């Protein structure tokens, strides 16, 4: 049975930090990107899949429904998986629909109108923050951290600073 080692919200998806710092340190052998739009773009899918091969990782791109079906039917096979999401909304949706992401890291969320920085690389609007608080109130450990060797900020610490 496969295992979801880490979920990560990062608008850049696969890049050097993900490939070298996060995947190697957690014993990951597969990265699954869950993004409905990207799942329909064969050209971009091929680019992401190729980037994983060069690092010795299996990479696949799924729509939300495809990922949920793969989990329900096969529990991701024998893969030790990092799941990447472009947005908080996508992470929230699939977790609420039953994907068991026990640890959700936010490492790269671009600044947008009305957003506040939680850490220098993560800017959230209030709706996103509320969604994360809801997940954290359940069985998901939500934390903010760019790379493993930078300080980890949990929801309790973030609550003291943001969206009062």
N, C-alpha and C. Protein backbone atom coordinates (compact mmCIF):
# COMPACT_ATOMS: atom_id res chain seq x y z
N UNK A 1 0.84 -1.18 0.00
CA UNK A 1 0.00 0.00 0.00
C UNK A 1 0.88 1.24 0.00
N UNK A 2 0.52 2.21 -0.82
CA UNK A 2 1.27 3.45 -0.89
C UNK A 2 1.03 4.31 0.34
N UNK A 3 1.82 5.35 0.42
CA UNK A 3 1.71 6.27 1.56
C UNK A 3 1.91 7.70 1.07
N UNK A 4 1.07 8.58 1.55
CA UNK A 4 1.23 10.00 1.27
C UNK A 4 2.14 10.55 2.37
N UNK A 5 3.38 10.82 2.01
CA UNK A 5 4.35 11.31 2.98
C UNK A 5 4.16 12.79 3.27
N UNK A 6 3.76 13.56 2.24
CA UNK A 6 3.63 14.99 2.40
C UNK A 6 2.75 15.56 1.29
N UNK A 7 1.89 16.46 1.65
CA UNK A 7 1.20 17.30 0.68
C UNK A 7 1.86 18.66 0.73
N UNK A 8 1.99 19.31 -0.40
CA UNK A 8 2.64 20.63 -0.44
C UNK A 8 1.89 21.53 -1.41
N UNK A 9 1.58 22.73 -0.94
CA UNK A 9 1.02 23.76 -1.81
C UNK A 9 2.18 24.64 -2.25
N UNK A 10 2.40 24.68 -3.55
CA UNK A 10 3.50 25.47 -4.11
C UNK A 10 3.12 25.80 -5.56
N UNK A 11 2.86 27.07 -5.81
CA UNK A 11 2.40 27.46 -7.15
C UNK A 11 3.41 27.13 -8.24
N UNK A 12 4.66 26.91 -7.88
CA UNK A 12 5.69 26.57 -8.88
C UNK A 12 5.73 25.07 -9.16
N UNK A 13 5.08 24.28 -8.32
CA UNK A 13 5.05 22.83 -8.42
C UNK A 13 6.45 22.24 -8.31
N UNK A 14 6.98 21.63 -9.35
CA UNK A 14 8.29 20.98 -9.25
C UNK A 14 9.39 21.99 -9.57
N UNK A 15 10.32 22.10 -8.64
CA UNK A 15 11.50 22.96 -8.82
C UNK A 15 12.60 22.41 -7.93
N UNK A 16 13.72 23.05 -7.89
CA UNK A 16 14.89 22.54 -7.18
C UNK A 16 14.66 22.20 -5.72
N UNK A 17 13.96 23.06 -4.98
CA UNK A 17 13.72 22.80 -3.56
C UNK A 17 12.91 21.54 -3.36
N UNK A 18 11.91 21.35 -4.19
CA UNK A 18 11.07 20.15 -4.08
C UNK A 18 11.89 18.91 -4.41
N UNK A 19 12.65 18.98 -5.48
CA UNK A 19 13.38 17.82 -5.94
C UNK A 19 14.53 17.44 -5.00
N UNK A 20 15.24 18.42 -4.48
CA UNK A 20 16.43 18.08 -3.70
C UNK A 20 16.18 18.03 -2.20
N UNK A 21 15.47 19.00 -1.68
CA UNK A 21 15.34 19.09 -0.22
C UNK A 21 14.18 18.25 0.32
N UNK A 22 13.00 18.41 -0.25
CA UNK A 22 11.83 17.73 0.31
C UNK A 22 11.79 16.26 -0.06
N UNK A 23 11.95 15.94 -1.33
CA UNK A 23 11.74 14.55 -1.74
C UNK A 23 12.81 13.62 -1.17
N UNK A 24 14.05 14.03 -1.19
CA UNK A 24 15.12 13.16 -0.72
C UNK A 24 15.04 12.95 0.79
N UNK A 25 14.72 13.97 1.53
CA UNK A 25 14.68 13.87 2.98
C UNK A 25 13.53 13.04 3.52
N UNK A 26 12.50 12.81 2.72
CA UNK A 26 11.32 12.08 3.20
C UNK A 26 11.21 10.66 2.63
N UNK A 27 12.19 10.23 1.86
CA UNK A 27 12.13 8.89 1.29
C UNK A 27 11.05 8.74 0.23
N UNK A 28 10.82 9.79 -0.51
CA UNK A 28 9.76 9.81 -1.53
C UNK A 28 10.28 9.18 -2.81
N UNK A 29 9.45 8.36 -3.45
CA UNK A 29 9.84 7.81 -4.75
C UNK A 29 8.88 8.25 -5.86
N UNK A 30 7.87 9.08 -5.49
CA UNK A 30 6.93 9.57 -6.50
C UNK A 30 6.39 10.93 -6.10
N UNK A 31 6.17 11.75 -7.10
CA UNK A 31 5.51 13.04 -6.92
C UNK A 31 4.26 13.02 -7.78
N UNK A 32 3.14 13.27 -7.15
CA UNK A 32 1.87 13.37 -7.86
C UNK A 32 1.39 14.81 -7.79
N UNK A 33 1.22 15.40 -8.95
CA UNK A 33 0.67 16.75 -9.04
C UNK A 33 -0.83 16.60 -9.24
N UNK A 34 -1.60 17.30 -8.42
CA UNK A 34 -3.05 17.27 -8.57
C UNK A 34 -3.49 18.67 -8.98
N UNK A 35 -3.94 18.78 -10.23
CA UNK A 35 -4.37 20.06 -10.77
C UNK A 35 -5.24 19.79 -11.99
N UNK A 36 -6.49 20.19 -11.94
CA UNK A 36 -7.43 19.88 -13.02
C UNK A 36 -6.99 20.46 -14.36
N UNK A 37 -6.55 21.70 -14.39
CA UNK A 37 -6.15 22.32 -15.66
C UNK A 37 -4.89 21.66 -16.23
N UNK A 38 -3.91 21.43 -15.38
CA UNK A 38 -2.66 20.83 -15.83
C UNK A 38 -2.88 19.40 -16.33
N UNK A 39 -3.81 18.68 -15.73
CA UNK A 39 -4.10 17.30 -16.14
C UNK A 39 -4.61 17.23 -17.58
N UNK A 40 -5.13 18.34 -18.09
CA UNK A 40 -5.64 18.39 -19.47
C UNK A 40 -4.59 18.88 -20.47
N UNK A 41 -3.43 19.29 -20.00
CA UNK A 41 -2.39 19.87 -20.84
C UNK A 41 -1.27 18.85 -21.06
N UNK A 42 -1.36 18.09 -22.14
CA UNK A 42 -0.40 17.02 -22.39
C UNK A 42 1.04 17.52 -22.50
N UNK A 43 1.22 18.67 -23.10
CA UNK A 43 2.58 19.23 -23.25
C UNK A 43 3.21 19.49 -21.89
N UNK A 44 2.49 20.17 -21.00
CA UNK A 44 3.04 20.48 -19.67
C UNK A 44 3.18 19.21 -18.83
N UNK A 45 2.25 18.29 -18.96
CA UNK A 45 2.38 17.03 -18.24
C UNK A 45 3.68 16.34 -18.60
N UNK A 46 4.00 16.31 -19.88
CA UNK A 46 5.23 15.66 -20.33
C UNK A 46 6.47 16.34 -19.73
N UNK A 47 6.44 17.65 -19.64
CA UNK A 47 7.57 18.38 -19.05
C UNK A 47 7.76 17.98 -17.59
N UNK A 48 6.68 17.96 -16.82
CA UNK A 48 6.79 17.59 -15.41
C UNK A 48 7.20 16.14 -15.23
N UNK A 49 6.66 15.25 -16.03
CA UNK A 49 7.00 13.82 -15.92
C UNK A 49 8.48 13.62 -16.26
N UNK A 50 8.98 14.31 -17.28
CA UNK A 50 10.39 14.21 -17.65
C UNK A 50 11.30 14.74 -16.56
N UNK A 51 10.89 15.81 -15.89
CA UNK A 51 11.73 16.38 -14.83
C UNK A 51 11.91 15.40 -13.69
N UNK A 52 10.91 14.60 -13.43
CA UNK A 52 11.02 13.61 -12.37
C UNK A 52 11.95 12.46 -12.73
N UNK A 53 11.89 12.04 -13.99
CA UNK A 53 12.74 10.94 -14.44
C UNK A 53 14.21 11.29 -14.26
N UNK A 54 14.57 12.53 -14.55
CA UNK A 54 15.98 12.93 -14.43
C UNK A 54 16.45 12.90 -12.98
N UNK A 55 15.50 12.97 -12.04
CA UNK A 55 15.84 12.91 -10.61
C UNK A 55 15.59 11.53 -10.02
N UNK A 56 15.20 10.56 -10.85
CA UNK A 56 14.95 9.22 -10.37
C UNK A 56 13.62 9.05 -9.65
N UNK A 57 12.68 9.95 -9.91
CA UNK A 57 11.36 9.88 -9.27
C UNK A 57 10.28 9.61 -10.32
N UNK A 58 9.26 8.92 -9.89
CA UNK A 58 8.09 8.77 -10.73
C UNK A 58 7.23 10.02 -10.53
N UNK A 59 6.85 10.67 -11.61
CA UNK A 59 6.00 11.86 -11.53
C UNK A 59 4.76 11.59 -12.38
N UNK A 60 3.61 11.97 -11.83
CA UNK A 60 2.38 11.88 -12.60
C UNK A 60 1.52 13.10 -12.29
N UNK A 61 0.65 13.41 -13.21
CA UNK A 61 -0.25 14.55 -13.08
C UNK A 61 -1.68 14.03 -13.15
N UNK A 62 -2.48 14.39 -12.16
CA UNK A 62 -3.85 13.92 -12.07
C UNK A 62 -4.82 15.08 -11.92
N UNK A 63 -6.02 14.87 -12.42
CA UNK A 63 -7.12 15.76 -12.03
C UNK A 63 -7.50 15.35 -10.60
N UNK A 64 -8.33 16.16 -9.96
CA UNK A 64 -8.78 15.81 -8.62
C UNK A 64 -9.48 14.45 -8.62
N UNK A 65 -10.39 14.26 -9.56
CA UNK A 65 -11.15 13.01 -9.61
C UNK A 65 -10.24 11.80 -9.89
N UNK A 66 -9.28 11.96 -10.78
CA UNK A 66 -8.35 10.86 -11.08
C UNK A 66 -7.54 10.47 -9.85
N UNK A 67 -7.06 11.47 -9.12
CA UNK A 67 -6.26 11.20 -7.92
C UNK A 67 -7.10 10.49 -6.86
N UNK A 68 -8.31 10.97 -6.66
CA UNK A 68 -9.19 10.34 -5.66
C UNK A 68 -9.51 8.89 -6.05
N UNK A 69 -9.75 8.65 -7.32
CA UNK A 69 -10.04 7.29 -7.78
C UNK A 69 -8.83 6.39 -7.59
N UNK A 70 -7.64 6.87 -7.95
CA UNK A 70 -6.41 6.08 -7.78
C UNK A 70 -6.21 5.73 -6.31
N UNK A 71 -6.45 6.69 -5.41
CA UNK A 71 -6.31 6.42 -3.98
C UNK A 71 -7.36 5.39 -3.54
N UNK A 72 -8.61 5.60 -3.89
CA UNK A 72 -9.68 4.71 -3.45
C UNK A 72 -9.51 3.29 -3.96
N UNK A 73 -9.04 3.15 -5.19
CA UNK A 73 -8.93 1.82 -5.79
C UNK A 73 -7.60 1.12 -5.50
N UNK A 74 -6.50 1.89 -5.37
CA UNK A 74 -5.19 1.25 -5.24
C UNK A 74 -4.31 1.83 -4.14
N UNK A 75 -4.80 2.79 -3.39
CA UNK A 75 -4.00 3.46 -2.35
C UNK A 75 -2.61 3.85 -2.87
N UNK A 76 -2.57 4.31 -4.11
CA UNK A 76 -1.35 4.78 -4.78
C UNK A 76 -0.31 3.68 -4.95
N UNK A 77 -0.75 2.43 -5.02
CA UNK A 77 0.18 1.33 -5.29
C UNK A 77 1.24 1.21 -4.21
N UNK A 78 2.49 1.11 -4.63
CA UNK A 78 3.61 1.00 -3.69
C UNK A 78 4.38 2.31 -3.55
N UNK A 79 3.82 3.38 -4.04
CA UNK A 79 4.54 4.65 -4.04
C UNK A 79 4.54 5.33 -2.67
N UNK A 80 5.68 5.92 -2.36
CA UNK A 80 5.84 6.83 -1.22
C UNK A 80 5.77 8.22 -1.83
N UNK A 81 4.67 8.94 -1.59
CA UNK A 81 4.27 10.06 -2.43
C UNK A 81 4.37 11.42 -1.74
N UNK A 82 4.84 12.38 -2.51
CA UNK A 82 4.62 13.79 -2.19
C UNK A 82 3.57 14.27 -3.18
N UNK A 83 2.53 14.88 -2.65
CA UNK A 83 1.49 15.43 -3.52
C UNK A 83 1.70 16.93 -3.60
N UNK A 84 1.70 17.44 -4.82
CA UNK A 84 1.86 18.88 -5.04
C UNK A 84 0.55 19.47 -5.54
N UNK A 85 0.20 20.59 -4.96
CA UNK A 85 -0.97 21.36 -5.35
C UNK A 85 -0.52 22.76 -5.71
N UNK A 86 -1.13 23.35 -6.74
CA UNK A 86 -0.85 24.75 -7.07
C UNK A 86 -1.55 25.70 -6.11
N UNK A 87 -2.72 25.29 -5.62
CA UNK A 87 -3.54 26.20 -4.83
C UNK A 87 -4.03 25.55 -3.54
N UNK A 88 -4.31 26.39 -2.57
CA UNK A 88 -4.93 25.95 -1.33
C UNK A 88 -6.29 25.34 -1.63
N UNK A 89 -7.03 25.95 -2.55
CA UNK A 89 -8.37 25.46 -2.87
C UNK A 89 -8.35 24.00 -3.32
N UNK A 90 -7.41 23.65 -4.19
CA UNK A 90 -7.33 22.27 -4.66
C UNK A 90 -6.97 21.32 -3.51
N UNK A 91 -6.01 21.71 -2.69
CA UNK A 91 -5.65 20.88 -1.54
C UNK A 91 -6.86 20.68 -0.63
N UNK A 92 -7.55 21.76 -0.33
CA UNK A 92 -8.73 21.71 0.52
C UNK A 92 -9.78 20.77 -0.08
N UNK A 93 -10.06 20.92 -1.37
CA UNK A 93 -11.09 20.12 -2.01
C UNK A 93 -10.81 18.62 -1.93
N UNK A 94 -9.59 18.20 -2.28
CA UNK A 94 -9.33 16.76 -2.30
C UNK A 94 -9.22 16.17 -0.90
N UNK A 95 -8.72 16.95 0.04
CA UNK A 95 -8.66 16.45 1.42
C UNK A 95 -10.07 16.30 1.98
N UNK A 96 -10.93 17.27 1.71
CA UNK A 96 -12.32 17.19 2.18
C UNK A 96 -13.06 16.03 1.51
N UNK A 97 -12.65 15.66 0.29
CA UNK A 97 -13.29 14.55 -0.42
C UNK A 97 -12.71 13.19 -0.02
N UNK A 98 -11.73 13.19 0.87
CA UNK A 98 -11.25 11.92 1.40
C UNK A 98 -9.81 11.53 1.16
N UNK A 99 -9.02 12.36 0.50
CA UNK A 99 -7.61 12.01 0.32
C UNK A 99 -6.90 12.24 1.66
N UNK A 100 -6.29 11.20 2.24
CA UNK A 100 -5.73 11.33 3.58
C UNK A 100 -4.34 11.99 3.60
N UNK A 101 -4.33 13.29 3.55
CA UNK A 101 -3.09 14.05 3.64
C UNK A 101 -2.90 14.44 5.11
N UNK A 102 -2.01 13.74 5.79
CA UNK A 102 -1.80 13.98 7.22
C UNK A 102 -0.91 15.19 7.48
N UNK A 103 -0.05 15.53 6.53
CA UNK A 103 0.87 16.65 6.68
C UNK A 103 0.77 17.51 5.43
N UNK A 104 0.34 18.76 5.60
CA UNK A 104 0.22 19.69 4.48
C UNK A 104 1.13 20.87 4.71
N UNK A 105 2.12 20.98 3.85
CA UNK A 105 3.12 22.04 3.90
C UNK A 105 2.75 23.13 2.89
N UNK A 106 2.83 24.36 3.32
CA UNK A 106 2.66 25.48 2.40
C UNK A 106 4.02 26.13 2.24
N UNK A 107 4.53 26.08 1.00
CA UNK A 107 5.88 26.56 0.76
C UNK A 107 5.99 27.65 -0.28
N UNK A 108 4.97 27.82 -1.11
CA UNK A 108 5.04 28.84 -2.15
C UNK A 108 3.66 29.22 -2.63
N UNK A 109 3.13 30.31 -2.12
CA UNK A 109 1.84 30.84 -2.56
C UNK A 109 2.06 32.31 -2.89
N UNK A 110 1.91 32.65 -4.16
CA UNK A 110 2.21 34.00 -4.64
C UNK A 110 1.29 35.05 -4.03
N UNK A 111 1.83 36.25 -3.88
CA UNK A 111 1.08 37.39 -3.36
C UNK A 111 0.00 37.78 -4.36
N UNK A 112 -1.18 38.06 -3.82
CA UNK A 112 -2.30 38.53 -4.63
C UNK A 112 -3.04 39.60 -3.83
N UNK A 113 -3.97 40.27 -4.45
CA UNK A 113 -4.70 41.34 -3.79
C UNK A 113 -5.39 40.82 -2.54
N UNK A 114 -5.19 41.51 -1.44
CA UNK A 114 -5.84 41.16 -0.19
C UNK A 114 -5.13 40.08 0.61
N UNK A 115 -4.00 39.60 0.12
CA UNK A 115 -3.28 38.52 0.80
C UNK A 115 -2.31 39.09 1.83
N UNK A 116 -2.07 38.30 2.87
CA UNK A 116 -1.07 38.63 3.89
C UNK A 116 -0.04 37.51 3.91
N UNK A 117 1.21 37.89 4.16
CA UNK A 117 2.27 36.90 4.23
C UNK A 117 2.25 36.19 5.58
N UNK A 118 2.29 34.87 5.51
CA UNK A 118 2.43 34.06 6.72
C UNK A 118 3.92 33.81 6.96
N UNK A 119 4.62 33.42 5.91
CA UNK A 119 6.08 33.38 5.85
C UNK A 119 6.44 34.10 4.56
N UNK A 120 7.70 34.46 4.35
CA UNK A 120 8.04 35.26 3.17
C UNK A 120 7.62 34.67 1.82
N UNK A 121 7.44 33.37 1.72
CA UNK A 121 7.08 32.76 0.43
C UNK A 121 5.61 32.35 0.33
N UNK A 122 4.82 32.65 1.36
CA UNK A 122 3.41 32.23 1.37
C UNK A 122 2.52 33.40 1.74
N UNK A 123 1.70 33.84 0.79
CA UNK A 123 0.73 34.92 1.03
C UNK A 123 -0.67 34.36 0.82
N UNK A 124 -1.52 34.53 1.82
CA UNK A 124 -2.86 33.95 1.78
C UNK A 124 -3.93 35.02 1.95
N UNK A 125 -5.05 34.80 1.27
CA UNK A 125 -6.24 35.61 1.54
C UNK A 125 -7.00 34.92 2.67
N UNK A 126 -7.93 35.62 3.26
CA UNK A 126 -8.61 35.11 4.44
C UNK A 126 -9.34 33.79 4.17
N UNK A 127 -9.96 33.64 3.00
CA UNK A 127 -10.67 32.40 2.68
C UNK A 127 -9.71 31.21 2.69
N UNK A 128 -8.52 31.38 2.11
CA UNK A 128 -7.54 30.29 2.10
C UNK A 128 -7.11 29.94 3.52
N UNK A 129 -6.88 30.97 4.31
CA UNK A 129 -6.46 30.75 5.70
C UNK A 129 -7.55 30.01 6.47
N UNK A 130 -8.80 30.39 6.26
CA UNK A 130 -9.92 29.71 6.92
C UNK A 130 -10.01 28.24 6.50
N UNK A 131 -9.76 27.97 5.22
CA UNK A 131 -9.77 26.58 4.75
C UNK A 131 -8.66 25.78 5.45
N UNK A 132 -7.50 26.38 5.59
CA UNK A 132 -6.39 25.69 6.25
C UNK A 132 -6.69 25.45 7.73
N UNK A 133 -7.33 26.43 8.37
CA UNK A 133 -7.71 26.26 9.77
C UNK A 133 -8.70 25.10 9.91
N UNK A 134 -9.61 24.98 8.97
CA UNK A 134 -10.58 23.87 9.00
C UNK A 134 -9.86 22.53 8.85
N UNK A 135 -8.92 22.45 7.93
CA UNK A 135 -8.16 21.21 7.75
C UNK A 135 -7.36 20.89 9.01
N UNK A 136 -6.75 21.91 9.60
CA UNK A 136 -5.93 21.72 10.81
C UNK A 136 -6.79 21.29 12.00
N UNK A 137 -8.04 21.70 12.02
CA UNK A 137 -8.95 21.29 13.10
C UNK A 137 -9.32 19.81 12.96
N UNK A 138 -9.10 19.25 11.78
CA UNK A 138 -9.35 17.82 11.55
C UNK A 138 -8.06 17.05 11.79
N UNK A 139 -7.73 16.16 10.87
CA UNK A 139 -6.57 15.28 11.06
C UNK A 139 -5.35 15.69 10.25
N UNK A 140 -5.34 16.90 9.71
CA UNK A 140 -4.22 17.35 8.88
C UNK A 140 -3.34 18.33 9.65
N UNK A 141 -2.06 18.01 9.75
CA UNK A 141 -1.07 18.91 10.33
C UNK A 141 -0.70 19.92 9.24
N UNK A 142 -1.12 21.17 9.42
CA UNK A 142 -0.85 22.22 8.43
C UNK A 142 0.31 23.07 8.94
N UNK A 143 1.31 23.27 8.10
CA UNK A 143 2.45 24.10 8.51
C UNK A 143 3.03 24.84 7.31
N UNK A 144 3.75 25.89 7.63
CA UNK A 144 4.35 26.78 6.63
C UNK A 144 5.86 26.65 6.75
N UNK A 145 6.50 26.30 5.62
CA UNK A 145 7.95 26.12 5.63
C UNK A 145 8.44 26.03 4.20
N UNK A 146 9.39 26.86 3.84
CA UNK A 146 9.89 26.88 2.48
C UNK A 146 10.69 25.62 2.17
N UNK A 147 11.66 25.33 3.00
CA UNK A 147 12.49 24.12 2.87
C UNK A 147 12.69 23.54 4.27
N UNK A 148 13.07 22.27 4.36
CA UNK A 148 13.17 21.63 5.67
C UNK A 148 14.13 22.29 6.66
N UNK A 149 15.13 23.00 6.16
CA UNK A 149 16.08 23.60 7.10
C UNK A 149 15.75 25.06 7.46
N UNK A 150 14.55 25.51 7.14
CA UNK A 150 14.08 26.82 7.59
C UNK A 150 13.07 26.61 8.70
N UNK A 151 12.82 27.65 9.52
CA UNK A 151 11.88 27.48 10.63
C UNK A 151 10.49 27.06 10.15
N UNK A 152 9.89 26.16 10.89
CA UNK A 152 8.55 25.65 10.62
C UNK A 152 7.55 26.48 11.43
N UNK A 153 6.53 26.99 10.76
CA UNK A 153 5.50 27.79 11.42
C UNK A 153 4.20 27.00 11.36
N UNK A 154 3.67 26.66 12.53
CA UNK A 154 2.41 25.93 12.60
C UNK A 154 1.22 26.87 12.61
N UNK A 155 0.04 26.31 12.55
CA UNK A 155 -1.19 27.12 12.53
C UNK A 155 -1.37 27.92 13.82
N UNK A 156 -1.01 27.36 14.96
CA UNK A 156 -1.17 28.10 16.23
C UNK A 156 -0.31 29.36 16.23
N UNK A 157 0.90 29.23 15.75
CA UNK A 157 1.79 30.39 15.68
C UNK A 157 1.28 31.39 14.65
N UNK A 158 0.81 30.91 13.51
CA UNK A 158 0.29 31.79 12.47
C UNK A 158 -0.95 32.51 12.95
N UNK A 159 -1.80 31.83 13.73
CA UNK A 159 -3.01 32.45 14.27
C UNK A 159 -2.71 33.68 15.13
N UNK A 160 -1.59 33.67 15.81
CA UNK A 160 -1.23 34.77 16.69
C UNK A 160 -0.85 36.02 15.90
N UNK A 161 -0.45 35.84 14.65
CA UNK A 161 0.06 36.95 13.84
C UNK A 161 -0.89 37.43 12.76
N UNK A 162 -1.71 36.52 12.23
CA UNK A 162 -2.42 36.84 11.00
C UNK A 162 -3.92 36.68 11.12
N UNK A 163 -4.63 37.46 10.35
CA UNK A 163 -6.08 37.39 10.20
C UNK A 163 -6.81 37.43 11.54
N UNK A 164 -6.49 38.45 12.33
CA UNK A 164 -7.15 38.61 13.63
C UNK A 164 -8.51 39.23 13.47
